[in-house]
Amino acid sequence: MAQHEKDEDERQAAMWATLQKIAGKELDRSLLAAGHNYDVDLTIAGTVDGQPVGRTTHSILSVGHDSKRASSVGPPAEALVGFILSKLNTATRQKLLAELPEAFARAGNRLPPVSVELEEVSRLLLGRLRAKVQQQVKAPISCKYTLS
């Protein structure tokens, strides 16, 4: 590849990267109508390092329909730990709150090991503390385009 072509490719890449960054900040997804197809003609013209760059495109931007997805969620960690701490007497709770951060640091920023039996009981409990929820999922956006 000749140096001129490499320089041109680099400038084009800088142009597309700039547009991508701007679009990521400027796009308000809520303004696109679900189920709508947009017929878009764009002319991109500018300079990169003082050298001209540009492209034209014809695009069909398609916005799907929002949907719901079933999933399951567990309780927030803060709520679960708080509930467990509330079941301990004051002295035990204070001792645990003082000792656990130190033990965590000593273990290389990991929780200190517990028995296999306690891990299994904990895993089963966490499985029983899951709630089924419906999550709103934004419609997919697709774009078919030609460049010139």
N, C-alpha and C. Protein backbone atom coordinates (compact mmCIF):
# COMPACT_ATOMS: atom_id res chain seq x y z
N MET A 1 0.85 -1.18 0.00
CA MET A 1 0.00 0.00 0.00
C MET A 1 0.90 1.24 0.00
N ALA A 2 0.61 2.15 -0.89
CA ALA A 2 1.40 3.37 -0.98
C ALA A 2 1.14 4.25 0.24
N GLN A 3 2.12 5.07 0.59
CA GLN A 3 2.01 5.95 1.75
C GLN A 3 0.79 6.87 1.63
N HIS A 4 0.52 7.36 0.42
CA HIS A 4 -0.63 8.25 0.21
C HIS A 4 -1.94 7.55 0.59
N GLU A 5 -2.09 6.27 0.16
CA GLU A 5 -3.29 5.50 0.49
C GLU A 5 -3.38 5.24 1.99
N LYS A 6 -2.24 4.97 2.61
CA LYS A 6 -2.22 4.73 4.06
C LYS A 6 -2.64 5.99 4.79
N ASP A 7 -2.11 7.14 4.37
CA ASP A 7 -2.48 8.41 5.01
C ASP A 7 -3.97 8.68 4.83
N GLU A 8 -4.50 8.42 3.63
CA GLU A 8 -5.92 8.62 3.36
C GLU A 8 -6.77 7.70 4.24
N ASP A 9 -6.37 6.43 4.35
CA ASP A 9 -7.09 5.48 5.21
C ASP A 9 -7.07 5.94 6.67
N GLU A 10 -5.94 6.45 7.11
CA GLU A 10 -5.82 6.92 8.49
C GLU A 10 -6.74 8.12 8.73
N ARG A 11 -6.78 9.04 7.79
CA ARG A 11 -7.67 10.21 7.93
C ARG A 11 -9.14 9.77 7.94
N GLN A 12 -9.47 8.81 7.07
CA GLN A 12 -10.85 8.30 7.06
C GLN A 12 -11.18 7.65 8.41
N ALA A 13 -10.24 6.89 8.94
CA ALA A 13 -10.46 6.25 10.24
C ALA A 13 -10.67 7.31 11.32
N ALA A 14 -9.89 8.39 11.28
CA ALA A 14 -10.06 9.48 12.25
C ALA A 14 -11.43 10.13 12.09
N MET A 15 -11.89 10.29 10.86
CA MET A 15 -13.20 10.87 10.61
C MET A 15 -14.29 9.98 11.22
N TRP A 16 -14.25 8.66 10.93
CA TRP A 16 -15.27 7.75 11.45
C TRP A 16 -15.21 7.67 12.99
N ALA A 17 -14.02 7.66 13.55
CA ALA A 17 -13.90 7.60 15.01
C ALA A 17 -14.49 8.85 15.65
N THR A 18 -14.27 10.00 15.02
CA THR A 18 -14.83 11.24 15.54
C THR A 18 -16.36 11.20 15.49
N LEU A 19 -16.90 10.76 14.36
CA LEU A 19 -18.36 10.66 14.24
C LEU A 19 -18.95 9.68 15.25
N GLN A 20 -18.26 8.57 15.47
CA GLN A 20 -18.73 7.59 16.44
C GLN A 20 -18.79 8.18 17.84
N LYS A 21 -17.73 8.89 18.24
CA LYS A 21 -17.70 9.48 19.57
C LYS A 21 -18.79 10.53 19.73
N ILE A 22 -18.98 11.37 18.72
CA ILE A 22 -20.01 12.40 18.78
C ILE A 22 -21.39 11.75 18.84
N ALA A 23 -21.64 10.77 17.97
CA ALA A 23 -22.95 10.11 17.94
C ALA A 23 -23.25 9.44 19.28
N GLY A 24 -22.24 8.84 19.89
CA GLY A 24 -22.45 8.19 21.19
C GLY A 24 -22.91 9.15 22.26
N LYS A 25 -22.52 10.40 22.15
CA LYS A 25 -22.92 11.39 23.15
C LYS A 25 -24.20 12.14 22.75
N GLU A 26 -24.44 12.27 21.47
CA GLU A 26 -25.56 13.09 21.00
C GLU A 26 -26.85 12.31 20.76
N LEU A 27 -26.77 11.00 20.56
CA LEU A 27 -27.96 10.22 20.26
C LEU A 27 -28.90 10.17 21.46
N ASP A 28 -30.13 10.58 21.26
CA ASP A 28 -31.18 10.40 22.26
C ASP A 28 -32.07 9.29 21.74
N ARG A 29 -31.81 8.09 22.17
CA ARG A 29 -32.47 6.88 21.67
C ARG A 29 -33.98 6.96 21.78
N SER A 30 -34.48 7.66 22.80
CA SER A 30 -35.92 7.74 23.02
C SER A 30 -36.65 8.51 21.92
N LEU A 31 -35.92 9.26 21.11
CA LEU A 31 -36.55 10.03 20.05
C LEU A 31 -36.80 9.22 18.78
N LEU A 32 -36.25 8.01 18.70
CA LEU A 32 -36.46 7.16 17.53
C LEU A 32 -37.74 6.35 17.72
N ALA A 33 -38.63 6.42 16.74
CA ALA A 33 -39.93 5.74 16.84
C ALA A 33 -39.77 4.24 16.63
N ALA A 34 -40.32 3.46 17.55
CA ALA A 34 -40.28 2.00 17.43
C ALA A 34 -41.03 1.58 16.18
N GLY A 35 -40.44 0.62 15.46
CA GLY A 35 -41.07 0.09 14.26
C GLY A 35 -40.92 0.96 13.03
N HIS A 36 -40.15 2.01 13.13
CA HIS A 36 -40.02 2.95 12.02
C HIS A 36 -38.74 2.69 11.23
N ASN A 37 -38.82 2.90 9.91
CA ASN A 37 -37.65 2.87 9.04
C ASN A 37 -37.37 4.29 8.60
N TYR A 38 -36.12 4.70 8.74
CA TYR A 38 -35.69 6.04 8.32
C TYR A 38 -34.83 5.92 7.07
N ASP A 39 -35.19 6.66 6.03
CA ASP A 39 -34.42 6.71 4.79
C ASP A 39 -33.46 7.89 4.95
N VAL A 40 -32.17 7.60 5.09
CA VAL A 40 -31.20 8.62 5.45
C VAL A 40 -30.14 8.77 4.36
N ASP A 41 -29.98 9.99 3.87
CA ASP A 41 -28.88 10.33 2.97
C ASP A 41 -27.98 11.30 3.70
N LEU A 42 -26.70 10.98 3.78
CA LEU A 42 -25.74 11.83 4.48
C LEU A 42 -24.57 12.18 3.57
N THR A 43 -24.11 13.39 3.74
CA THR A 43 -22.85 13.81 3.14
C THR A 43 -21.96 14.26 4.28
N ILE A 44 -20.84 13.59 4.40
CA ILE A 44 -19.87 13.91 5.45
C ILE A 44 -18.70 14.58 4.77
N ALA A 45 -18.41 15.80 5.17
CA ALA A 45 -17.29 16.52 4.55
C ALA A 45 -16.54 17.27 5.64
N GLY A 46 -15.24 17.23 5.57
CA GLY A 46 -14.44 17.93 6.55
C GLY A 46 -12.97 17.79 6.24
N THR A 47 -12.17 18.08 7.24
CA THR A 47 -10.74 17.92 7.10
C THR A 47 -10.20 17.21 8.33
N VAL A 48 -9.12 16.47 8.12
CA VAL A 48 -8.37 15.85 9.20
C VAL A 48 -6.92 16.29 8.99
N ASP A 49 -6.39 16.95 9.99
CA ASP A 49 -5.03 17.49 9.89
C ASP A 49 -4.86 18.35 8.64
N GLY A 50 -5.92 19.11 8.33
CA GLY A 50 -5.88 20.03 7.21
C GLY A 50 -6.12 19.39 5.86
N GLN A 51 -6.24 18.08 5.80
CA GLN A 51 -6.47 17.37 4.54
C GLN A 51 -7.95 17.01 4.42
N PRO A 52 -8.53 17.15 3.24
CA PRO A 52 -9.96 16.88 3.09
C PRO A 52 -10.30 15.40 3.26
N VAL A 53 -11.45 15.16 3.90
CA VAL A 53 -12.01 13.82 4.04
C VAL A 53 -13.51 13.94 3.80
N GLY A 54 -14.12 12.85 3.43
CA GLY A 54 -15.55 12.88 3.28
C GLY A 54 -16.08 11.61 2.65
N ARG A 55 -17.36 11.39 2.83
CA ARG A 55 -18.06 10.25 2.25
C ARG A 55 -19.52 10.66 2.10
N THR A 56 -20.21 9.99 1.22
CA THR A 56 -21.66 10.11 1.14
C THR A 56 -22.22 8.72 1.37
N THR A 57 -23.42 8.68 1.92
CA THR A 57 -24.04 7.40 2.20
C THR A 57 -25.54 7.49 2.01
N HIS A 58 -26.08 6.39 1.56
CA HIS A 58 -27.52 6.20 1.57
C HIS A 58 -27.77 5.05 2.54
N SER A 59 -28.67 5.29 3.50
CA SER A 59 -28.89 4.31 4.56
C SER A 59 -30.37 4.12 4.83
N ILE A 60 -30.69 2.93 5.26
CA ILE A 60 -32.01 2.65 5.81
C ILE A 60 -31.77 2.25 7.26
N LEU A 61 -32.23 3.10 8.17
CA LEU A 61 -32.11 2.85 9.61
C LEU A 61 -33.43 2.26 10.08
N SER A 62 -33.40 1.06 10.63
CA SER A 62 -34.61 0.37 11.07
C SER A 62 -34.61 0.23 12.59
N VAL A 63 -35.71 0.66 13.19
CA VAL A 63 -35.86 0.56 14.64
C VAL A 63 -36.90 -0.51 14.93
N GLY A 64 -36.53 -1.51 15.69
CA GLY A 64 -37.47 -2.58 16.05
C GLY A 64 -38.44 -2.11 17.11
N HIS A 65 -39.16 -3.06 17.69
CA HIS A 65 -40.12 -2.77 18.74
C HIS A 65 -39.54 -3.16 20.09
N ASP A 66 -39.81 -2.33 21.11
CA ASP A 66 -39.38 -2.67 22.47
C ASP A 66 -40.05 -3.98 22.87
N SER A 67 -39.42 -4.69 23.78
CA SER A 67 -39.99 -5.94 24.26
C SER A 67 -39.67 -6.11 25.74
N LYS A 68 -40.23 -7.16 26.28
CA LYS A 68 -39.93 -7.50 27.67
C LYS A 68 -39.22 -8.84 27.70
N ARG A 69 -38.29 -8.95 28.63
CA ARG A 69 -37.53 -10.19 28.77
C ARG A 69 -37.65 -10.66 30.21
N ALA A 70 -37.93 -11.91 30.37
CA ALA A 70 -38.03 -12.47 31.72
C ALA A 70 -36.63 -12.76 32.24
N SER A 71 -36.42 -12.44 33.48
CA SER A 71 -35.15 -12.78 34.12
C SER A 71 -35.42 -12.94 35.61
N SER A 72 -34.40 -13.32 36.32
CA SER A 72 -34.55 -13.42 37.77
C SER A 72 -33.44 -12.61 38.43
N VAL A 73 -33.78 -12.02 39.54
CA VAL A 73 -32.81 -11.21 40.26
C VAL A 73 -32.80 -11.62 41.73
N GLY A 74 -31.64 -11.49 42.31
CA GLY A 74 -31.51 -11.74 43.74
C GLY A 74 -31.58 -10.41 44.49
N PRO A 75 -31.60 -10.48 45.79
CA PRO A 75 -31.65 -9.24 46.57
C PRO A 75 -30.33 -8.48 46.44
N PRO A 76 -30.38 -7.16 46.57
CA PRO A 76 -29.12 -6.40 46.57
C PRO A 76 -28.21 -6.89 47.70
N ALA A 77 -26.91 -6.95 47.42
CA ALA A 77 -25.95 -7.44 48.43
C ALA A 77 -26.06 -6.66 49.73
N GLU A 78 -26.22 -5.33 49.64
CA GLU A 78 -26.31 -4.51 50.85
C GLU A 78 -27.51 -4.90 51.70
N ALA A 79 -28.64 -5.17 51.05
CA ALA A 79 -29.84 -5.55 51.79
C ALA A 79 -29.67 -6.92 52.44
N LEU A 80 -29.06 -7.86 51.71
CA LEU A 80 -28.86 -9.20 52.25
C LEU A 80 -27.90 -9.18 53.44
N VAL A 81 -26.77 -8.51 53.29
CA VAL A 81 -25.82 -8.42 54.40
C VAL A 81 -26.45 -7.68 55.58
N GLY A 82 -27.17 -6.61 55.29
CA GLY A 82 -27.85 -5.87 56.36
C GLY A 82 -28.84 -6.74 57.12
N PHE A 83 -29.61 -7.54 56.39
CA PHE A 83 -30.56 -8.43 57.05
C PHE A 83 -29.84 -9.43 57.95
N ILE A 84 -28.78 -10.04 57.43
CA ILE A 84 -28.02 -11.02 58.23
C ILE A 84 -27.42 -10.34 59.46
N LEU A 85 -26.85 -9.14 59.27
CA LEU A 85 -26.27 -8.42 60.42
C LEU A 85 -27.34 -8.09 61.46
N SER A 86 -28.56 -7.82 61.01
CA SER A 86 -29.62 -7.46 61.96
C SER A 86 -29.99 -8.63 62.86
N LYS A 87 -29.67 -9.85 62.46
CA LYS A 87 -29.99 -11.04 63.24
C LYS A 87 -28.92 -11.36 64.28
N LEU A 88 -27.78 -10.66 64.22
CA LEU A 88 -26.71 -10.89 65.18
C LEU A 88 -26.87 -9.96 66.37
N ASN A 89 -26.40 -10.42 67.53
CA ASN A 89 -26.43 -9.51 68.68
C ASN A 89 -25.38 -8.41 68.46
N THR A 90 -25.48 -7.34 69.18
CA THR A 90 -24.63 -6.17 68.97
C THR A 90 -23.15 -6.51 69.05
N ALA A 91 -22.74 -7.28 70.05
CA ALA A 91 -21.32 -7.60 70.23
C ALA A 91 -20.80 -8.42 69.04
N THR A 92 -21.55 -9.42 68.62
CA THR A 92 -21.12 -10.26 67.50
C THR A 92 -21.06 -9.44 66.21
N ARG A 93 -22.08 -8.58 66.03
CA ARG A 93 -22.10 -7.74 64.82
C ARG A 93 -20.89 -6.81 64.79
N GLN A 94 -20.58 -6.14 65.91
CA GLN A 94 -19.44 -5.22 65.96
C GLN A 94 -18.13 -5.96 65.72
N LYS A 95 -17.99 -7.17 66.30
CA LYS A 95 -16.78 -7.95 66.10
C LYS A 95 -16.62 -8.34 64.63
N LEU A 96 -17.70 -8.79 64.01
CA LEU A 96 -17.64 -9.17 62.60
C LEU A 96 -17.31 -7.97 61.73
N LEU A 97 -17.94 -6.82 61.98
CA LEU A 97 -17.68 -5.62 61.19
C LEU A 97 -16.23 -5.14 61.34
N ALA A 98 -15.64 -5.38 62.50
CA ALA A 98 -14.24 -4.98 62.70
C ALA A 98 -13.28 -5.99 62.07
N GLU A 99 -13.58 -7.28 62.18
CA GLU A 99 -12.65 -8.31 61.74
C GLU A 99 -12.72 -8.62 60.25
N LEU A 100 -13.89 -8.53 59.64
CA LEU A 100 -14.03 -8.96 58.25
C LEU A 100 -13.17 -8.15 57.28
N PRO A 101 -13.14 -6.82 57.35
CA PRO A 101 -12.27 -6.09 56.42
C PRO A 101 -10.79 -6.46 56.55
N GLU A 102 -10.34 -6.69 57.78
CA GLU A 102 -8.95 -7.09 57.98
C GLU A 102 -8.68 -8.48 57.41
N ALA A 103 -9.61 -9.41 57.63
CA ALA A 103 -9.46 -10.76 57.11
C ALA A 103 -9.51 -10.76 55.58
N PHE A 104 -10.34 -9.91 55.03
CA PHE A 104 -10.45 -9.77 53.58
C PHE A 104 -9.12 -9.30 53.00
N ALA A 105 -8.52 -8.30 53.60
CA ALA A 105 -7.23 -7.77 53.13
C ALA A 105 -6.13 -8.82 53.26
N ARG A 106 -6.10 -9.53 54.38
CA ARG A 106 -5.09 -10.57 54.60
C ARG A 106 -5.20 -11.70 53.59
N ALA A 107 -6.42 -11.96 53.13
CA ALA A 107 -6.65 -13.06 52.18
C ALA A 107 -6.47 -12.61 50.73
N GLY A 108 -5.80 -11.47 50.55
CA GLY A 108 -5.54 -11.00 49.19
C GLY A 108 -6.78 -10.41 48.54
N ASN A 109 -7.58 -9.67 49.33
CA ASN A 109 -8.82 -9.04 48.85
C ASN A 109 -9.83 -10.08 48.39
N ARG A 110 -9.91 -11.14 49.15
CA ARG A 110 -10.91 -12.19 48.96
C ARG A 110 -11.55 -12.47 50.30
N LEU A 111 -12.74 -13.01 50.24
CA LEU A 111 -13.36 -13.42 51.49
C LEU A 111 -12.59 -14.59 52.08
N PRO A 112 -12.48 -14.63 53.40
CA PRO A 112 -11.83 -15.78 54.03
C PRO A 112 -12.61 -17.06 53.69
N PRO A 113 -11.93 -18.18 53.57
CA PRO A 113 -12.62 -19.43 53.21
C PRO A 113 -13.57 -19.89 54.31
N VAL A 114 -14.63 -20.54 53.87
CA VAL A 114 -15.58 -21.17 54.80
C VAL A 114 -15.72 -22.62 54.37
N SER A 115 -16.39 -23.40 55.17
CA SER A 115 -16.53 -24.83 54.87
C SER A 115 -17.36 -25.04 53.61
N VAL A 116 -17.13 -26.18 52.99
CA VAL A 116 -17.89 -26.56 51.79
C VAL A 116 -19.38 -26.62 52.12
N GLU A 117 -19.69 -27.09 53.32
CA GLU A 117 -21.10 -27.20 53.72
C GLU A 117 -21.76 -25.82 53.78
N LEU A 118 -21.05 -24.83 54.37
CA LEU A 118 -21.63 -23.48 54.44
C LEU A 118 -21.75 -22.85 53.05
N GLU A 119 -20.80 -23.11 52.19
CA GLU A 119 -20.90 -22.59 50.82
C GLU A 119 -22.11 -23.19 50.12
N GLU A 120 -22.35 -24.47 50.31
CA GLU A 120 -23.48 -25.13 49.66
C GLU A 120 -24.81 -24.60 50.21
N VAL A 121 -24.91 -24.47 51.52
CA VAL A 121 -26.12 -23.92 52.12
C VAL A 121 -26.36 -22.50 51.62
N SER A 122 -25.29 -21.71 51.51
CA SER A 122 -25.40 -20.34 51.02
C SER A 122 -25.86 -20.32 49.56
N ARG A 123 -25.30 -21.21 48.74
CA ARG A 123 -25.70 -21.28 47.33
C ARG A 123 -27.18 -21.62 47.21
N LEU A 124 -27.64 -22.59 48.00
CA LEU A 124 -29.04 -22.97 47.96
C LEU A 124 -29.94 -21.83 48.43
N LEU A 125 -29.53 -21.13 49.47
CA LEU A 125 -30.31 -20.01 49.98
C LEU A 125 -30.41 -18.90 48.93
N LEU A 126 -29.30 -18.58 48.31
CA LEU A 126 -29.32 -17.54 47.28
C LEU A 126 -30.23 -17.94 46.12
N GLY A 127 -30.27 -19.22 45.80
CA GLY A 127 -31.18 -19.69 44.76
C GLY A 127 -32.63 -19.52 45.14
N ARG A 128 -32.93 -19.65 46.41
CA ARG A 128 -34.32 -19.47 46.89
C ARG A 128 -34.70 -18.01 47.04
N LEU A 129 -33.72 -17.11 47.02
CA LEU A 129 -34.00 -15.68 47.19
C LEU A 129 -34.05 -14.95 45.84
N ARG A 130 -34.40 -15.64 44.80
CA ARG A 130 -34.47 -15.03 43.47
C ARG A 130 -35.93 -14.72 43.15
N ALA A 131 -36.13 -13.60 42.51
CA ALA A 131 -37.48 -13.18 42.10
C ALA A 131 -37.52 -13.06 40.58
N LYS A 132 -38.61 -13.53 40.00
CA LYS A 132 -38.79 -13.39 38.55
C LYS A 132 -39.28 -11.98 38.26
N VAL A 133 -38.64 -11.35 37.29
CA VAL A 133 -39.03 -9.99 36.90
C VAL A 133 -39.10 -9.90 35.38
N GLN A 134 -39.83 -8.93 34.91
CA GLN A 134 -39.90 -8.61 33.49
C GLN A 134 -39.09 -7.34 33.29
N GLN A 135 -38.10 -7.41 32.43
CA GLN A 135 -37.26 -6.24 32.16
C GLN A 135 -37.59 -5.69 30.78
N GLN A 136 -37.76 -4.38 30.70
CA GLN A 136 -37.99 -3.71 29.43
C GLN A 136 -36.68 -3.71 28.63
N VAL A 137 -36.75 -4.14 27.39
CA VAL A 137 -35.57 -4.19 26.53
C VAL A 137 -35.82 -3.25 25.35
N LYS A 138 -34.87 -2.35 25.13
CA LYS A 138 -34.97 -1.43 24.01
C LYS A 138 -34.89 -2.19 22.69
N ALA A 139 -35.64 -1.72 21.73
CA ALA A 139 -35.66 -2.34 20.41
C ALA A 139 -34.28 -2.26 19.76
N PRO A 140 -33.95 -3.28 18.99
CA PRO A 140 -32.68 -3.22 18.26
C PRO A 140 -32.76 -2.20 17.13
N ILE A 141 -31.63 -1.64 16.80
CA ILE A 141 -31.53 -0.71 15.66
C ILE A 141 -30.58 -1.36 14.67
N SER A 142 -30.99 -1.40 13.42
CA SER A 142 -30.11 -1.90 12.37
C SER A 142 -29.98 -0.86 11.28
N CYS A 143 -28.91 -0.95 10.53
CA CYS A 143 -28.67 0.03 9.48
C CYS A 143 -28.06 -0.67 8.28
N LYS A 144 -28.73 -0.54 7.15
CA LYS A 144 -28.19 -1.03 5.88
C LYS A 144 -27.75 0.21 5.11
N TYR A 145 -26.54 0.18 4.58
CA TYR A 145 -26.03 1.40 3.93
C TYR A 145 -25.11 1.07 2.77
N THR A 146 -24.97 2.07 1.94
CA THR A 146 -23.96 2.03 0.88
C THR A 146 -23.15 3.30 1.00
N LEU A 147 -21.86 3.18 0.78
CA LEU A 147 -20.94 4.32 0.84
C LEU A 147 -20.45 4.66 -0.55
N SER A 148 -20.24 5.93 -0.76
CA SER A 148 -19.59 6.35 -2.00
C SER A 148 -18.70 7.54 -1.72
